[in-house]
């Protein structure tokens, strides 16, 4: 269910970022300066996909490994015991940050916007890999704990 919602959100963001294509007449020689560069749109879609992947792994570790793994972000760490609220708060922060970066950089400084969004994509990809690695370690800890025979103190 969560994966389906995440996929739907990613597709909606991708469709909104793609926009509609407009036919240019032959009289228009220069592009309209308010149009967003296609490279910026690709960077935003890539960033949104990495944010979705991070939110999916965050929800998974928070809901399935809450006894062993905890959120490290001090802004939302207090929601560690509530996976849905944790992901919702993280998504709100991500949406605000993405909107602000687009508004401040997108149209006037498209190269800088691409660098910012691709940099954020790289960081989010790192977080996804880290979350997966920590979940694997937690799973190993659980497996070792369940296979160890219980000893009684004398």
Protein backbone atom coordinates (compact mmCIF):
# COMPACT_ATOMS: atom_id res chain seq x y z
CA UNK A 1 0.00 0.00 0.00
CA UNK A 2 2.76 2.45 0.95
CA UNK A 3 4.75 1.54 -2.14
CA UNK A 4 1.70 2.15 -4.34
CA UNK A 5 1.13 5.59 -2.81
CA UNK A 6 4.81 6.46 -3.20
CA UNK A 7 4.81 5.42 -6.85
CA UNK A 8 1.67 7.48 -7.49
CA UNK A 9 3.23 10.53 -5.83
CA UNK A 10 6.42 10.12 -7.89
CA UNK A 11 4.43 9.85 -11.10
CA UNK A 12 2.34 12.91 -10.21
CA UNK A 13 5.47 14.95 -9.50
CA UNK A 14 7.04 13.77 -12.75
CA UNK A 15 3.95 14.71 -14.73
CA UNK A 16 3.74 18.13 -13.10
CA UNK A 17 7.42 18.79 -13.69
CA UNK A 18 7.23 17.73 -17.31
CA UNK A 19 4.46 20.20 -18.10
CA UNK A 20 2.98 20.54 -21.52
CA UNK A 21 4.93 21.04 -24.69
CA UNK A 22 4.15 24.12 -26.68
CA UNK A 23 4.63 24.56 -30.36
CA UNK A 24 6.74 27.57 -31.26
CA UNK A 25 5.84 29.57 -34.29
CA UNK A 26 8.48 30.42 -36.81
CA UNK A 27 8.28 34.07 -35.77
CA UNK A 28 9.54 33.26 -32.28
CA UNK A 29 13.28 33.06 -32.50
CA UNK A 30 14.22 33.28 -28.81
CA UNK A 31 12.75 31.13 -26.06
CA UNK A 32 10.52 32.78 -23.49
CA UNK A 33 12.72 33.63 -20.49
CA UNK A 34 10.10 32.46 -17.97
CA UNK A 35 10.15 28.92 -19.30
CA UNK A 36 12.06 26.48 -17.18
CA UNK A 37 15.01 24.76 -18.81
CA UNK A 38 14.33 21.08 -19.56
CA UNK A 39 17.53 20.19 -17.72
CA UNK A 40 16.14 21.78 -14.55
CA UNK A 41 12.94 19.77 -14.96
CA UNK A 42 14.94 16.56 -15.27
CA UNK A 43 16.96 17.48 -12.20
CA UNK A 44 13.77 18.13 -10.21
CA UNK A 45 12.20 14.83 -11.29
CA UNK A 46 15.40 12.96 -10.40
CA UNK A 47 15.50 14.69 -7.02
CA UNK A 48 11.83 13.89 -6.37
CA UNK A 49 12.44 10.22 -7.15
CA UNK A 50 15.38 10.10 -4.75
CA UNK A 51 13.31 11.81 -2.05
CA UNK A 52 10.56 9.22 -2.55
CA UNK A 53 13.07 6.38 -2.27
CA UNK A 54 14.48 7.89 0.93
CA UNK A 55 11.00 8.29 2.40
CA UNK A 56 10.16 4.67 1.55
CA UNK A 57 13.28 3.35 3.26
CA UNK A 58 12.75 5.69 6.21
CA UNK A 59 9.20 4.41 6.68
CA UNK A 60 10.38 0.83 6.41
CA UNK A 61 13.14 1.13 9.00
CA UNK A 62 10.96 3.16 11.32
CA UNK A 63 8.07 0.73 11.18
CA UNK A 64 9.95 -2.58 11.05
CA UNK A 65 13.17 -1.85 12.93
CA UNK A 66 12.08 0.85 15.38
CA UNK A 67 13.55 -1.07 18.30
CA UNK A 68 17.05 -1.03 16.73
CA UNK A 69 17.18 1.94 14.34
CA UNK A 70 16.31 5.58 14.99
CA UNK A 71 15.99 8.73 12.90
CA UNK A 72 19.14 10.90 13.07
CA UNK A 73 17.59 14.14 11.79
CA UNK A 74 17.19 16.40 14.85
CA UNK A 75 14.23 18.24 13.27
CA UNK A 76 12.04 15.15 13.05
CA UNK A 77 13.78 12.71 15.39
CA UNK A 78 11.03 13.13 17.99
CA UNK A 79 8.59 11.41 15.63
CA UNK A 80 10.69 8.26 15.56
CA UNK A 81 7.98 6.10 17.12
CA UNK A 82 5.35 7.28 14.62
CA UNK A 83 6.45 6.20 11.11
CA UNK A 84 3.65 7.91 9.19
CA UNK A 85 4.16 11.23 10.97
CA UNK A 86 7.93 10.91 10.54
CA UNK A 87 7.58 10.48 6.78
CA UNK A 88 4.93 13.21 6.54
CA UNK A 89 7.13 15.72 8.37
CA UNK A 90 10.13 14.75 6.25
CA UNK A 91 8.07 15.13 3.10
CA UNK A 92 6.90 18.58 4.19
CA UNK A 93 10.50 19.65 4.74
CA UNK A 94 11.52 18.22 1.36
CA UNK A 95 8.63 19.87 -0.48
CA UNK A 96 9.40 23.24 1.10
CA UNK A 97 13.09 22.96 0.34
CA UNK A 98 12.45 21.92 -3.27
CA UNK A 99 9.94 24.71 -3.79
CA UNK A 100 12.31 27.30 -2.33
CA UNK A 101 15.24 26.10 -4.43
CA UNK A 102 13.12 26.20 -7.57
CA UNK A 103 11.72 29.66 -6.81
CA UNK A 104 15.11 31.13 -5.93
CA UNK A 105 17.24 29.45 -8.59
CA UNK A 106 15.08 27.77 -11.23
CA UNK A 107 14.43 30.49 -13.76
CA UNK A 108 17.22 32.97 -13.18
CA UNK A 109 20.06 30.54 -12.50
CA UNK A 110 19.22 27.23 -14.20
CA UNK A 111 22.77 25.86 -14.01
CA UNK A 112 22.95 26.50 -10.29
CA UNK A 113 19.50 24.95 -9.86
CA UNK A 114 20.63 21.82 -11.69
CA UNK A 115 23.71 21.58 -9.49
CA UNK A 116 21.60 22.02 -6.36
CA UNK A 117 19.00 19.41 -7.35
CA UNK A 118 21.56 16.87 -8.58
CA UNK A 119 23.62 17.41 -5.44
CA UNK A 120 20.54 16.82 -3.32
CA UNK A 121 19.82 13.72 -5.41
CA UNK A 122 23.29 12.34 -4.67
CA UNK A 123 22.82 12.97 -0.95
CA UNK A 124 19.39 11.30 -0.96
CA UNK A 125 20.81 8.32 -2.83
CA UNK A 126 23.44 8.03 -0.12
CA UNK A 127 20.70 8.10 2.54
CA UNK A 128 18.78 5.35 0.75
CA UNK A 129 21.89 3.15 0.61
CA UNK A 130 22.64 3.90 4.26
CA UNK A 131 19.09 3.04 5.33
CA UNK A 132 19.20 -0.25 3.44
CA UNK A 133 22.59 -1.10 4.94
CA UNK A 134 21.37 -0.34 8.47
CA UNK A 135 18.24 -2.46 7.95
CA UNK A 136 20.42 -5.37 6.81
CA UNK A 137 22.58 -5.01 9.91
CA UNK A 138 19.52 -4.84 12.14
CA UNK A 139 18.18 -7.98 10.49
CA UNK A 140 21.50 -9.74 11.18
CA UNK A 141 21.40 -8.61 14.82
CA UNK A 142 17.90 -10.02 15.17
CA UNK A 143 18.91 -13.29 13.53
CA UNK A 144 21.90 -13.67 15.84
CA UNK A 145 19.83 -12.81 18.90
CA UNK A 146 17.16 -15.37 18.03
CA UNK A 147 19.68 -18.12 17.29
CA UNK A 148 21.62 -17.63 20.54
CA UNK A 149 20.53 -20.03 23.29
CA UNK A 150 19.20 -18.27 26.35
CA UNK A 151 21.40 -18.77 29.40
CA UNK A 152 20.13 -18.40 32.91
CA UNK A 153 22.26 -16.69 35.54
CA UNK A 154 23.49 -18.96 38.34
